[in-house]
PDB file of N, CA and C in Angstrom:
ATOM      1  N   MET A   1     -23.056 -24.075  -7.991  1.00  0.00           N
ATOM      2  CA  MET A   1     -22.827 -22.706  -8.381  1.00  0.00           C
ATOM      3  C   MET A   1     -21.307 -22.462  -8.399  1.00  0.00           C
ATOM      4  N   PHE A   2     -20.855 -21.853  -9.458  1.00  0.00           N
ATOM      5  CA  PHE A   2     -19.420 -21.544  -9.585  1.00  0.00           C
ATOM      6  C   PHE A   2     -19.236 -20.025  -9.507  1.00  0.00           C
ATOM      7  N   TRP A   3     -18.207 -19.665  -8.816  1.00  0.00           N
ATOM      8  CA  TRP A   3     -17.860 -18.245  -8.756  1.00  0.00           C
ATOM      9  C   TRP A   3     -16.358 -18.079  -8.652  1.00  0.00           C
ATOM     10  N   LYS A   4     -15.902 -16.964  -9.139  1.00  0.00           N
ATOM     11  CA  LYS A   4     -14.486 -16.693  -9.162  1.00  0.00           C
ATOM     12  C   LYS A   4     -14.148 -15.814  -7.942  1.00  0.00           C
ATOM     13  N   LYS A   5     -13.049 -16.173  -7.269  1.00  0.00           N
ATOM     14  CA  LYS A   5     -12.630 -15.365  -6.135  1.00  0.00           C
ATOM     15  C   LYS A   5     -12.214 -13.980  -6.632  1.00  0.00           C
ATOM     16  N   LYS A   6     -12.664 -12.943  -5.927  1.00  0.00           N
ATOM     17  CA  LYS A   6     -12.334 -11.570  -6.317  1.00  0.00           C
ATOM     18  C   LYS A   6     -10.836 -11.344  -6.117  1.00  0.00           C
ATOM     19  N   ASP A   7     -10.236 -10.637  -7.092  1.00  0.00           N
ATOM     20  CA  ASP A   7      -8.816 -10.327  -6.964  1.00  0.00           C
ATOM     21  C   ASP A   7      -8.601  -9.445  -5.719  1.00  0.00           C
ATOM     22  N   THR A   8      -7.536  -9.750  -4.991  1.00  0.00           N
ATOM     23  CA  THR A   8      -7.219  -8.954  -3.822  1.00  0.00           C
ATOM     24  C   THR A   8      -5.873  -8.311  -3.967  1.00  0.00           C
ATOM     25  N   TYR A   9      -5.652  -7.280  -3.220  1.00  0.00           N
ATOM     26  CA  TYR A   9      -4.375  -6.606  -3.222  1.00  0.00           C
ATOM     27  C   TYR A   9      -4.121  -6.072  -1.814  1.00  0.00           C
ATOM     28  N   LYS A  10      -2.878  -5.863  -1.509  1.00  0.00           N
ATOM     29  CA  LYS A  10      -2.496  -5.359  -0.183  1.00  0.00           C
ATOM     30  C   LYS A  10      -2.709  -3.851  -0.140  1.00  0.00           C
ATOM     31  N   LEU A  11      -2.971  -3.340   1.067  1.00  0.00           N
ATOM     32  CA  LEU A  11      -3.236  -1.942   1.252  1.00  0.00           C
ATOM     33  C   LEU A  11      -2.178  -1.319   2.140  1.00  0.00           C
ATOM     34  N   ILE A  12      -1.736  -0.113   1.796  1.00  0.00           N
ATOM     35  CA  ILE A  12      -0.802   0.657   2.578  1.00  0.00           C
ATOM     36  C   ILE A  12      -1.608   1.581   3.489  1.00  0.00           C
ATOM     37  N   PRO A  13      -1.473   1.498   4.820  1.00  0.00           N
ATOM     38  CA  PRO A  13      -2.178   2.423   5.697  1.00  0.00           C
ATOM     39  C   PRO A  13      -1.500   3.794   5.674  1.00  0.00           C
ATOM     40  N   VAL A  14      -2.290   4.850   5.523  1.00  0.00           N
ATOM     41  CA  VAL A  14      -1.744   6.204   5.496  1.00  0.00           C
ATOM     42  C   VAL A  14      -2.585   7.126   6.389  1.00  0.00           C
ATOM     43  N   LEU A  15      -1.950   8.173   6.916  1.00  0.00           N
ATOM     44  CA  LEU A  15      -2.627   9.182   7.717  1.00  0.00           C
ATOM     45  C   LEU A  15      -2.666  10.465   6.862  1.00  0.00           C
ATOM     46  N   PRO A  16      -3.814  10.827   6.339  1.00  0.00           N
ATOM     47  CA  PRO A  16      -3.909  11.973   5.424  1.00  0.00           C
ATOM     48  C   PRO A  16      -3.937  13.314   6.149  1.00  0.00           C
ATOM     49  N   THR A  17      -3.390  14.331   5.489  1.00  0.00           N
ATOM     50  CA  THR A  17      -3.500  15.696   5.971  1.00  0.00           C
ATOM     51  C   THR A  17      -4.213  16.578   4.951  1.00  0.00           C
ATOM     52  N   SER A  18      -4.268  16.136   3.691  1.00  0.00           N
ATOM     53  CA  SER A  18      -4.924  16.901   2.644  1.00  0.00           C
ATOM     54  C   SER A  18      -5.686  15.940   1.720  1.00  0.00           C
ATOM     55  N   HIS A  19      -6.865  15.540   2.185  1.00  0.00           N
ATOM     56  CA  HIS A  19      -7.675  14.543   1.470  1.00  0.00           C
ATOM     57  C   HIS A  19      -7.941  14.919   0.013  1.00  0.00           C
ATOM     58  N   ARG A  20      -8.387  16.152  -0.199  1.00  0.00           N
ATOM     59  CA  ARG A  20      -8.750  16.568  -1.553  1.00  0.00           C
ATOM     60  C   ARG A  20      -7.582  16.458  -2.504  1.00  0.00           C
ATOM     61  N   ASN A  21      -6.394  16.925  -2.105  1.00  0.00           N
ATOM     62  CA  ASN A  21      -5.226  16.852  -2.974  1.00  0.00           C
ATOM     63  C   ASN A  21      -4.873  15.406  -3.314  1.00  0.00           C
ATOM     64  N   ILE A  22      -4.997  14.514  -2.348  1.00  0.00           N
ATOM     65  CA  ILE A  22      -4.706  13.097  -2.565  1.00  0.00           C
ATOM     66  C   ILE A  22      -5.696  12.522  -3.594  1.00  0.00           C
ATOM     67  N   PHE A  23      -6.976  12.797  -3.405  1.00  0.00           N
ATOM     68  CA  PHE A  23      -7.985  12.240  -4.322  1.00  0.00           C
ATOM     69  C   PHE A  23      -7.848  12.830  -5.729  1.00  0.00           C
ATOM     70  N   ILE A  24      -7.602  14.129  -5.837  1.00  0.00           N
ATOM     71  CA  ILE A  24      -7.440  14.758  -7.128  1.00  0.00           C
ATOM     72  C   ILE A  24      -6.226  14.173  -7.867  1.00  0.00           C
ATOM     73  N   ARG A  25      -5.130  13.969  -7.162  1.00  0.00           N
ATOM     74  CA  ARG A  25      -3.930  13.384  -7.767  1.00  0.00           C
ATOM     75  C   ARG A  25      -4.200  11.951  -8.221  1.00  0.00           C
ATOM     76  N   ALA A  26      -4.970  11.188  -7.407  1.00  0.00           N
ATOM     77  CA  ALA A  26      -5.328   9.820  -7.793  1.00  0.00           C
ATOM     78  C   ALA A  26      -6.148   9.806  -9.056  1.00  0.00           C
ATOM     79  N   ILE A  27      -7.055  10.762  -9.195  1.00  0.00           N
ATOM     80  CA  ILE A  27      -7.867  10.888 -10.415  1.00  0.00           C
ATOM     81  C   ILE A  27      -6.961  11.194 -11.601  1.00  0.00           C
ATOM     82  N   GLU A  28      -5.991  12.089 -11.402  1.00  0.00           N
ATOM     83  CA  GLU A  28      -5.086  12.475 -12.476  1.00  0.00           C
ATOM     84  C   GLU A  28      -4.229  11.317 -12.989  1.00  0.00           C
ATOM     85  N   ILE A  29      -3.797  10.428 -12.085  1.00  0.00           N
ATOM     86  CA  ILE A  29      -2.905   9.339 -12.517  1.00  0.00           C
ATOM     87  C   ILE A  29      -3.666   8.122 -13.028  1.00  0.00           C
ATOM     88  N   SER A  30      -4.964   8.090 -12.836  1.00  0.00           N
ATOM     89  CA  SER A  30      -5.789   6.950 -13.294  1.00  0.00           C
ATOM     90  C   SER A  30      -6.128   7.092 -14.771  1.00  0.00           C
ATOM     91  N   THR A  31      -6.084   5.973 -15.482  1.00  0.00           N
ATOM     92  CA  THR A  31      -6.466   6.017 -16.895  1.00  0.00           C
ATOM     93  C   THR A  31      -7.975   5.998 -17.078  1.00  0.00           C
ATOM     94  N   ASP A  32      -8.677   5.354 -16.153  1.00  0.00           N
ATOM     95  CA  ASP A  32     -10.150   5.272 -16.192  1.00  0.00           C
ATOM     96  C   ASP A  32     -10.693   5.568 -14.805  1.00  0.00           C
ATOM     97  N   PRO A  33     -10.621   6.833 -14.335  1.00  0.00           N
ATOM     98  CA  PRO A  33     -10.989   7.136 -12.950  1.00  0.00           C
ATOM     99  C   PRO A  33     -12.490   7.028 -12.684  1.00  0.00           C
ATOM    100  N   ILE A  34     -12.779   6.398 -11.574  1.00  0.00           N
ATOM    101  CA  ILE A  34     -14.151   6.290 -11.056  1.00  0.00           C
ATOM    102  C   ILE A  34     -14.104   6.690  -9.597  1.00  0.00           C
ATOM    103  N   VAL A  35     -14.902   7.662  -9.231  1.00  0.00           N
ATOM    104  CA  VAL A  35     -14.932   8.137  -7.839  1.00  0.00           C
ATOM    105  C   VAL A  35     -16.260   7.748  -7.219  1.00  0.00           C
ATOM    106  N   LEU A  36     -16.189   7.013  -6.125  1.00  0.00           N
ATOM    107  CA  LEU A  36     -17.381   6.600  -5.394  1.00  0.00           C
ATOM    108  C   LEU A  36     -17.397   7.313  -4.054  1.00  0.00           C
ATOM    109  N   ILE A  37     -18.476   8.027  -3.782  1.00  0.00           N
ATOM    110  CA  ILE A  37     -18.685   8.630  -2.467  1.00  0.00           C
ATOM    111  C   ILE A  37     -19.943   8.020  -1.931  1.00  0.00           C
ATOM    112  N   ASN A  38     -19.803   7.351  -0.788  1.00  0.00           N
ATOM    113  CA  ASN A  38     -20.925   6.608  -0.163  1.00  0.00           C
ATOM    114  C   ASN A  38     -21.587   5.684  -1.195  1.00  0.00           C
ATOM    115  N   ASN A  39     -20.742   4.994  -1.987  1.00  0.00           N
ATOM    116  CA  ASN A  39     -21.142   4.007  -2.981  1.00  0.00           C
ATOM    117  C   ASN A  39     -21.903   4.581  -4.155  1.00  0.00           C
ATOM    118  N   LYS A  40     -21.817   5.889  -4.395  1.00  0.00           N
ATOM    119  CA  LYS A  40     -22.440   6.526  -5.568  1.00  0.00           C
ATOM    120  C   LYS A  40     -21.367   7.158  -6.398  1.00  0.00           C
ATOM    121  N   ILE A  41     -21.420   6.931  -7.706  1.00  0.00           N
ATOM    122  CA  ILE A  41     -20.442   7.517  -8.617  1.00  0.00           C
ATOM    123  C   ILE A  41     -20.671   9.013  -8.740  1.00  0.00           C
ATOM    124  N   ILE A  42     -19.562   9.794  -8.616  1.00  0.00           N
ATOM    125  CA  ILE A  42     -19.671  11.231  -8.838  1.00  0.00           C
ATOM    126  C   ILE A  42     -18.765  11.601 -10.020  1.00  0.00           C
ATOM    127  N   LYS A  43     -19.144  12.649 -10.701  1.00  0.00           N
ATOM    128  CA  LYS A  43     -18.411  13.099 -11.892  1.00  0.00           C
ATOM    129  C   LYS A  43     -17.843  14.502 -11.716  1.00  0.00           C
ATOM    130  N   ASP A  44     -18.388  15.284 -10.774  1.00  0.00           N
ATOM    131  CA  ASP A  44     -17.958  16.661 -10.579  1.00  0.00           C
ATOM    132  C   ASP A  44     -16.838  16.700  -9.530  1.00  0.00           C
ATOM    133  N   TYR A  45     -15.613  16.962  -9.969  1.00  0.00           N
ATOM    134  CA  TYR A  45     -14.469  16.992  -9.040  1.00  0.00           C
ATOM    135  C   TYR A  45     -14.097  18.412  -8.663  1.00  0.00           C
ATOM    136  N   SER A  46     -14.919  19.385  -9.050  1.00  0.00           N
ATOM    137  CA  SER A  46     -14.617  20.792  -8.788  1.00  0.00           C
ATOM    138  C   SER A  46     -14.893  21.145  -7.321  1.00  0.00           C
ATOM    139  N   GLU A  47     -14.538  22.368  -6.956  1.00  0.00           N
ATOM    140  CA  GLU A  47     -14.796  22.873  -5.593  1.00  0.00           C
ATOM    141  C   GLU A  47     -16.321  22.980  -5.355  1.00  0.00           C
ATOM    142  N   ALA A  48     -17.109  23.031  -6.413  1.00  0.00           N
ATOM    143  CA  ALA A  48     -18.560  23.130  -6.265  1.00  0.00           C
ATOM    144  C   ALA A  48     -19.211  21.753  -6.089  1.00  0.00           C
ATOM    145  N   GLY A  49     -18.467  20.700  -6.323  1.00  0.00           N
ATOM    146  CA  GLY A  49     -19.007  19.345  -6.237  1.00  0.00           C
ATOM    147  C   GLY A  49     -18.842  18.723  -4.850  1.00  0.00           C
ATOM    148  N   MET A  50     -18.908  17.408  -4.804  1.00  0.00           N
ATOM    149  CA  MET A  50     -18.830  16.666  -3.524  1.00  0.00           C
ATOM    150  C   MET A  50     -17.411  16.426  -3.044  1.00  0.00           C
ATOM    151  N   LEU A  51     -16.433  16.640  -3.892  1.00  0.00           N
ATOM    152  CA  LEU A  51     -15.043  16.332  -3.544  1.00  0.00           C
ATOM    153  C   LEU A  51     -14.370  17.541  -2.899  1.00  0.00           C
ATOM    154  N   THR A  52     -15.003  18.026  -1.813  1.00  0.00           N
ATOM    155  CA  THR A  52     -14.457  19.140  -1.053  1.00  0.00           C
ATOM    156  C   THR A  52     -14.126  18.660   0.352  1.00  0.00           C
ATOM    157  N   ARG A  53     -13.330  19.442   1.045  1.00  0.00           N
ATOM    158  CA  ARG A  53     -12.894  19.082   2.413  1.00  0.00           C
ATOM    159  C   ARG A  53     -14.126  18.819   3.288  1.00  0.00           C
ATOM    160  N   ARG A  54     -15.101  19.714   3.250  1.00  0.00           N
ATOM    161  CA  ARG A  54     -16.286  19.558   4.087  1.00  0.00           C
ATOM    162  C   ARG A  54     -17.019  18.248   3.786  1.00  0.00           C
ATOM    163  N   HIS A  55     -17.297  17.986   2.520  1.00  0.00           N
ATOM    164  CA  HIS A  55     -18.018  16.762   2.156  1.00  0.00           C
ATOM    165  C   HIS A  55     -17.196  15.513   2.448  1.00  0.00           C
ATOM    166  N   ILE A  56     -15.897  15.587   2.218  1.00  0.00           N
ATOM    167  CA  ILE A  56     -15.064  14.411   2.450  1.00  0.00           C
ATOM    168  C   ILE A  56     -15.088  14.050   3.922  1.00  0.00           C
ATOM    169  N   LEU A  57     -14.977  15.037   4.817  1.00  0.00           N
ATOM    170  CA  LEU A  57     -14.963  14.759   6.255  1.00  0.00           C
ATOM    171  C   LEU A  57     -16.314  14.284   6.780  1.00  0.00           C
ATOM    172  N   GLU A  58     -17.411  14.597   6.057  1.00  0.00           N
ATOM    173  CA  GLU A  58     -18.736  14.205   6.471  1.00  0.00           C
ATOM    174  C   GLU A  58     -19.196  12.844   5.916  1.00  0.00           C
ATOM    175  N   CYS A  59     -18.529  12.369   4.881  1.00  0.00           N
ATOM    176  CA  CYS A  59     -19.033  11.138   4.239  1.00  0.00           C
ATOM    177  C   CYS A  59     -18.558   9.867   4.966  1.00  0.00           C
ATOM    178  N   HIS A  60     -19.207   8.773   4.650  1.00  0.00           N
ATOM    179  CA  HIS A  60     -18.915   7.488   5.274  1.00  0.00           C
ATOM    180  C   HIS A  60     -17.783   6.739   4.568  1.00  0.00           C
ATOM    181  N   SER A  61     -17.753   6.856   3.248  1.00  0.00           N
ATOM    182  CA  SER A  61     -16.689   6.152   2.485  1.00  0.00           C
ATOM    183  C   SER A  61     -16.440   6.870   1.149  1.00  0.00           C
ATOM    184  N   ILE A  62     -15.169   6.805   0.733  1.00  0.00           N
ATOM    185  CA  ILE A  62     -14.748   7.324  -0.557  1.00  0.00           C
ATOM    186  C   ILE A  62     -13.742   6.348  -1.134  1.00  0.00           C
ATOM    187  N   GLU A  63     -13.845   6.111  -2.419  1.00  0.00           N
ATOM    188  CA  GLU A  63     -12.838   5.301  -3.117  1.00  0.00           C
ATOM    189  C   GLU A  63     -12.636   5.885  -4.506  1.00  0.00           C
ATOM    190  N   VAL A  64     -11.358   6.019  -4.881  1.00  0.00           N
ATOM    191  CA  VAL A  64     -10.995   6.369  -6.250  1.00  0.00           C
ATOM    192  C   VAL A  64     -10.485   5.079  -6.871  1.00  0.00           C
ATOM    193  N   ARG A  65     -11.114   4.702  -7.979  1.00  0.00           N
ATOM    194  CA  ARG A  65     -10.699   3.483  -8.694  1.00  0.00           C
ATOM    195  C   ARG A  65     -10.131   3.830 -10.050  1.00  0.00           C
ATOM    196  N   ASP A  66      -9.240   2.985 -10.494  1.00  0.00           N
ATOM    197  CA  ASP A  66      -8.760   3.074 -11.887  1.00  0.00           C
ATOM    198  C   ASP A  66      -9.387   1.872 -12.585  1.00  0.00           C
ATOM    199  N   GLY A  67     -10.529   2.119 -13.232  1.00  0.00           N
ATOM    200  CA  GLY A  67     -11.319   1.004 -13.771  1.00  0.00           C
ATOM    201  C   GLY A  67     -11.964   0.267 -12.607  1.00  0.00           C
ATOM    202  N   VAL A  68     -11.581  -1.006 -12.427  1.00  0.00           N
ATOM    203  CA  VAL A  68     -12.136  -1.835 -11.350  1.00  0.00           C
ATOM    204  C   VAL A  68     -11.184  -1.927 -10.161  1.00  0.00           C
ATOM    205  N   VAL A  69      -9.999  -1.353 -10.253  1.00  0.00           N
ATOM    206  CA  VAL A  69      -8.993  -1.474  -9.223  1.00  0.00           C
ATOM    207  C   VAL A  69      -8.999  -0.249  -8.316  1.00  0.00           C
ATOM    208  N   GLY A  70      -9.155  -0.479  -7.025  1.00  0.00           N
ATOM    209  CA  GLY A  70      -9.103   0.624  -6.058  1.00  0.00           C
ATOM    210  C   GLY A  70      -7.703   1.190  -5.966  1.00  0.00           C
ATOM    211  N   VAL A  71      -7.613   2.521  -5.999  1.00  0.00           N
ATOM    212  CA  VAL A  71      -6.323   3.207  -5.876  1.00  0.00           C
ATOM    213  C   VAL A  71      -6.149   3.733  -4.462  1.00  0.00           C
ATOM    214  N   VAL A  72      -7.134   4.480  -3.982  1.00  0.00           N
ATOM    215  CA  VAL A  72      -7.057   5.071  -2.652  1.00  0.00           C
ATOM    216  C   VAL A  72      -8.479   5.226  -2.128  1.00  0.00           C
ATOM    217  N   GLY A  73      -8.633   5.199  -0.810  1.00  0.00           N
ATOM    218  CA  GLY A  73      -9.939   5.404  -0.237  1.00  0.00           C
ATOM    219  C   GLY A  73      -9.955   5.254   1.272  1.00  0.00           C
ATOM    220  N   PHE A  74     -11.141   5.355   1.816  1.00  0.00           N
ATOM    221  CA  PHE A  74     -11.346   5.070   3.252  1.00  0.00           C
ATOM    222  C   PHE A  74     -12.759   4.584   3.433  1.00  0.00           C
ATOM    223  N   HIS A  75     -13.005   3.929   4.559  1.00  0.00           N
ATOM    224  CA  HIS A  75     -14.311   3.455   4.930  1.00  0.00           C
ATOM    225  C   HIS A  75     -14.492   3.717   6.414  1.00  0.00           C
ATOM    226  N   ASP A  76     -15.603   4.309   6.801  1.00  0.00           N
ATOM    227  CA  ASP A  76     -15.962   4.649   8.179  1.00  0.00           C
ATOM    228  C   ASP A  76     -15.375   5.970   8.654  1.00  0.00           C
ATOM    229  N   HIS A  77     -14.085   6.208   8.424  1.00  0.00           N
ATOM    230  CA  HIS A  77     -13.492   7.451   8.954  1.00  0.00           C
ATOM    231  C   HIS A  77     -12.396   7.967   8.037  1.00  0.00           C
ATOM    232  N   PRO A  78     -12.378   9.285   7.762  1.00  0.00           N
ATOM    233  CA  PRO A  78     -11.402   9.859   6.830  1.00  0.00           C
ATOM    234  C   PRO A  78      -9.946   9.684   7.265  1.00  0.00           C
ATOM    235  N   LYS A  79      -9.685   9.474   8.519  1.00  0.00           N
ATOM    236  CA  LYS A  79      -8.292   9.271   8.990  1.00  0.00           C
ATOM    237  C   LYS A  79      -7.811   7.839   8.782  1.00  0.00           C
ATOM    238  N   GLU A  80      -8.691   6.942   8.388  1.00  0.00           N
ATOM    239  CA  GLU A  80      -8.337   5.537   8.141  1.00  0.00           C
ATOM    240  C   GLU A  80      -8.203   5.263   6.659  1.00  0.00           C
ATOM    241  N   MET A  81      -7.349   6.029   6.000  1.00  0.00           N
ATOM    242  CA  MET A  81      -7.175   5.942   4.564  1.00  0.00           C
ATOM    243  C   MET A  81      -6.198   4.830   4.206  1.00  0.00           C
ATOM    244  N   TRP A  82      -6.348   4.297   3.015  1.00  0.00           N
ATOM    245  CA  TRP A  82      -5.470   3.265   2.463  1.00  0.00           C
ATOM    246  C   TRP A  82      -5.120   3.611   1.025  1.00  0.00           C
ATOM    247  N   ILE A  83      -3.976   3.080   0.587  1.00  0.00           N
ATOM    248  CA  ILE A  83      -3.576   3.178  -0.813  1.00  0.00           C
ATOM    249  C   ILE A  83      -3.157   1.782  -1.276  1.00  0.00           C
ATOM    250  N   ASN A  84      -3.624   1.407  -2.442  1.00  0.00           N
ATOM    251  CA  ASN A  84      -3.279   0.106  -3.025  1.00  0.00           C
ATOM    252  C   ASN A  84      -1.765  -0.003  -3.131  1.00  0.00           C
ATOM    253  N   GLU A  85      -1.215  -1.152  -2.710  1.00  0.00           N
ATOM    254  CA  GLU A  85       0.219  -1.376  -2.740  1.00  0.00           C
ATOM    255  C   GLU A  85       0.808  -1.203  -4.133  1.00  0.00           C
ATOM    256  N   ASN A  86       0.052  -1.508  -5.160  1.00  0.00           N
ATOM    257  CA  ASN A  86       0.527  -1.345  -6.525  1.00  0.00           C
ATOM    258  C   ASN A  86       0.731   0.106  -6.916  1.00  0.00           C
ATOM    259  N   TYR A  87       0.253   1.023  -6.072  1.00  0.00           N
ATOM    260  CA  TYR A  87       0.415   2.468  -6.289  1.00  0.00           C
ATOM    261  C   TYR A  87       1.364   3.075  -5.245  1.00  0.00           C
ATOM    262  N   ARG A  88       2.369   2.314  -4.850  1.00  0.00           N
ATOM    263  CA  ARG A  88       3.316   2.782  -3.834  1.00  0.00           C
ATOM    264  C   ARG A  88       3.991   4.070  -4.262  1.00  0.00           C
ATOM    265  N   GLU A  89       4.345   4.192  -5.540  1.00  0.00           N
ATOM    266  CA  GLU A  89       4.974   5.422  -6.045  1.00  0.00           C
ATOM    267  C   GLU A  89       4.082   6.628  -5.811  1.00  0.00           C
ATOM    268  N   PHE A  90       2.770   6.442  -6.019  1.00  0.00           N
ATOM    269  CA  PHE A  90       1.801   7.506  -5.743  1.00  0.00           C
ATOM    270  C   PHE A  90       1.789   7.856  -4.272  1.00  0.00           C
ATOM    271  N   ALA A  91       1.824   6.838  -3.405  1.00  0.00           N
ATOM    272  CA  ALA A  91       1.864   7.063  -1.951  1.00  0.00           C
ATOM    273  C   ALA A  91       3.098   7.851  -1.549  1.00  0.00           C
ATOM    274  N   CYS A  92       4.248   7.486  -2.100  1.00  0.00           N
ATOM    275  CA  CYS A  92       5.492   8.197  -1.799  1.00  0.00           C
ATOM    276  C   CYS A  92       5.466   9.618  -2.317  1.00  0.00           C
ATOM    277  N   TYR A  93       4.856   9.836  -3.484  1.00  0.00           N
ATOM    278  CA  TYR A  93       4.712  11.188  -4.015  1.00  0.00           C
ATOM    279  C   TYR A  93       3.871  12.044  -3.067  1.00  0.00           C
ATOM    280  N   CYS A  94       2.753  11.497  -2.623  1.00  0.00           N
ATOM    281  CA  CYS A  94       1.851  12.239  -1.716  1.00  0.00           C
ATOM    282  C   CYS A  94       2.564  12.522  -0.374  1.00  0.00           C
ATOM    283  N   GLU A  95       3.337  11.581   0.093  1.00  0.00           N
ATOM    284  CA  GLU A  95       4.085  11.787   1.336  1.00  0.00           C
ATOM    285  C   GLU A  95       5.116  12.892   1.138  1.00  0.00           C
ATOM    286  N   GLY A  96       5.785  12.892  -0.009  1.00  0.00           N
ATOM    287  CA  GLY A  96       6.754  13.944  -0.338  1.00  0.00           C
ATOM    288  C   GLY A  96       6.139  15.331  -0.421  1.00  0.00           C
ATOM    289  N   MET A  97       4.871  15.396  -0.813  1.00  0.00           N
ATOM    290  CA  MET A  97       4.121  16.657  -0.886  1.00  0.00           C
ATOM    291  C   MET A  97       3.537  17.044   0.473  1.00  0.00           C
ATOM    292  N   HIS A  98       3.715  16.193   1.496  1.00  0.00           N
ATOM    293  CA  HIS A  98       3.200  16.398   2.858  1.00  0.00           C
ATOM    294  C   HIS A  98       1.671  16.338   2.908  1.00  0.00           C
ATOM    295  N   TRP A  99       1.078  15.564   2.023  1.00  0.00           N
ATOM    296  CA  TRP A  99      -0.369  15.361   2.011  1.00  0.00           C
ATOM    297  C   TRP A  99      -0.760  14.203   2.911  1.00  0.00           C
ATOM    298  N   LEU A 100       0.189  13.337   3.227  1.00  0.00           N
ATOM    299  CA  LEU A 100      -0.080  12.176   4.077  1.00  0.00           C
ATOM    300  C   LEU A 100       1.209  11.668   4.669  1.00  0.00           C
ATOM    301  N   THR A 101       1.044  10.746   5.654  1.00  0.00           N
ATOM    302  CA  THR A 101       2.175  10.049   6.239  1.00  0.00           C
ATOM    303  C   THR A 101       1.882   8.544   6.077  1.00  0.00           C
ATOM    304  N   ILE A 102       2.834   7.814   5.544  1.00  0.00           N
ATOM    305  CA  ILE A 102       2.690   6.368   5.424  1.00  0.00           C
ATOM    306  C   ILE A 102       2.847   5.783   6.822  1.00  0.00           C
ATOM    307  N   GLN A 103       1.866   4.993   7.273  1.00  0.00           N
ATOM    308  CA  GLN A 103       1.819   4.499   8.633  1.00  0.00           C
ATOM    309  C   GLN A 103       2.498   3.160   8.849  1.00  0.00           C
ATOM    310  N   GLY A 104       2.743   2.419   7.783  1.00  0.00           N
ATOM    311  CA  GLY A 104       3.353   1.106   7.952  1.00  0.00           C
ATOM    312  C   GLY A 104       3.388   0.374   6.637  1.00  0.00           C
ATOM    313  N   PRO A 105       3.852  -0.881   6.682  1.00  0.00           N
ATOM    314  CA  PRO A 105       3.936  -1.687   5.452  1.00  0.00           C
ATOM    315  C   PRO A 105       2.534  -2.109   4.986  1.00  0.00           C
ATOM    316  N   ALA A 106       2.450  -2.482   3.744  1.00  0.00           N
ATOM    317  CA  ALA A 106       1.183  -2.969   3.179  1.00  0.00           C
ATOM    318  C   ALA A 106       0.812  -4.289   3.817  1.00  0.00           C
ATOM    319  N   SER A 107      -0.462  -4.487   4.020  1.00  0.00           N
ATOM    320  CA  SER A 107      -0.949  -5.750   4.598  1.00  0.00           C
ATOM    321  C   SER A 107      -2.274  -6.132   4.013  1.00  0.00           C
TER     322      SER A 107
END
């Protein structure tokens, strides 16, 4: 059986203060945004949908992808957020807006 190793990328650890703003901005900068909440694709990004502070803090995992590439997300806990190293400019923008604090180098 032959299989191709999945492409990997380094992740920047961040401490979020405004989850919704971070996710909405990630959607805006993505050319083909896909939002997964608890491994289910959602399409409603409004305040009436699942992408609200309350739902974000209650869910197990969220990921915003640009096509097949993860941009930002978390798994298990909303305070354990990561941003793809290829989107460092996005991370710096969010930090400048005081939506998050970059916790360290990408690993």
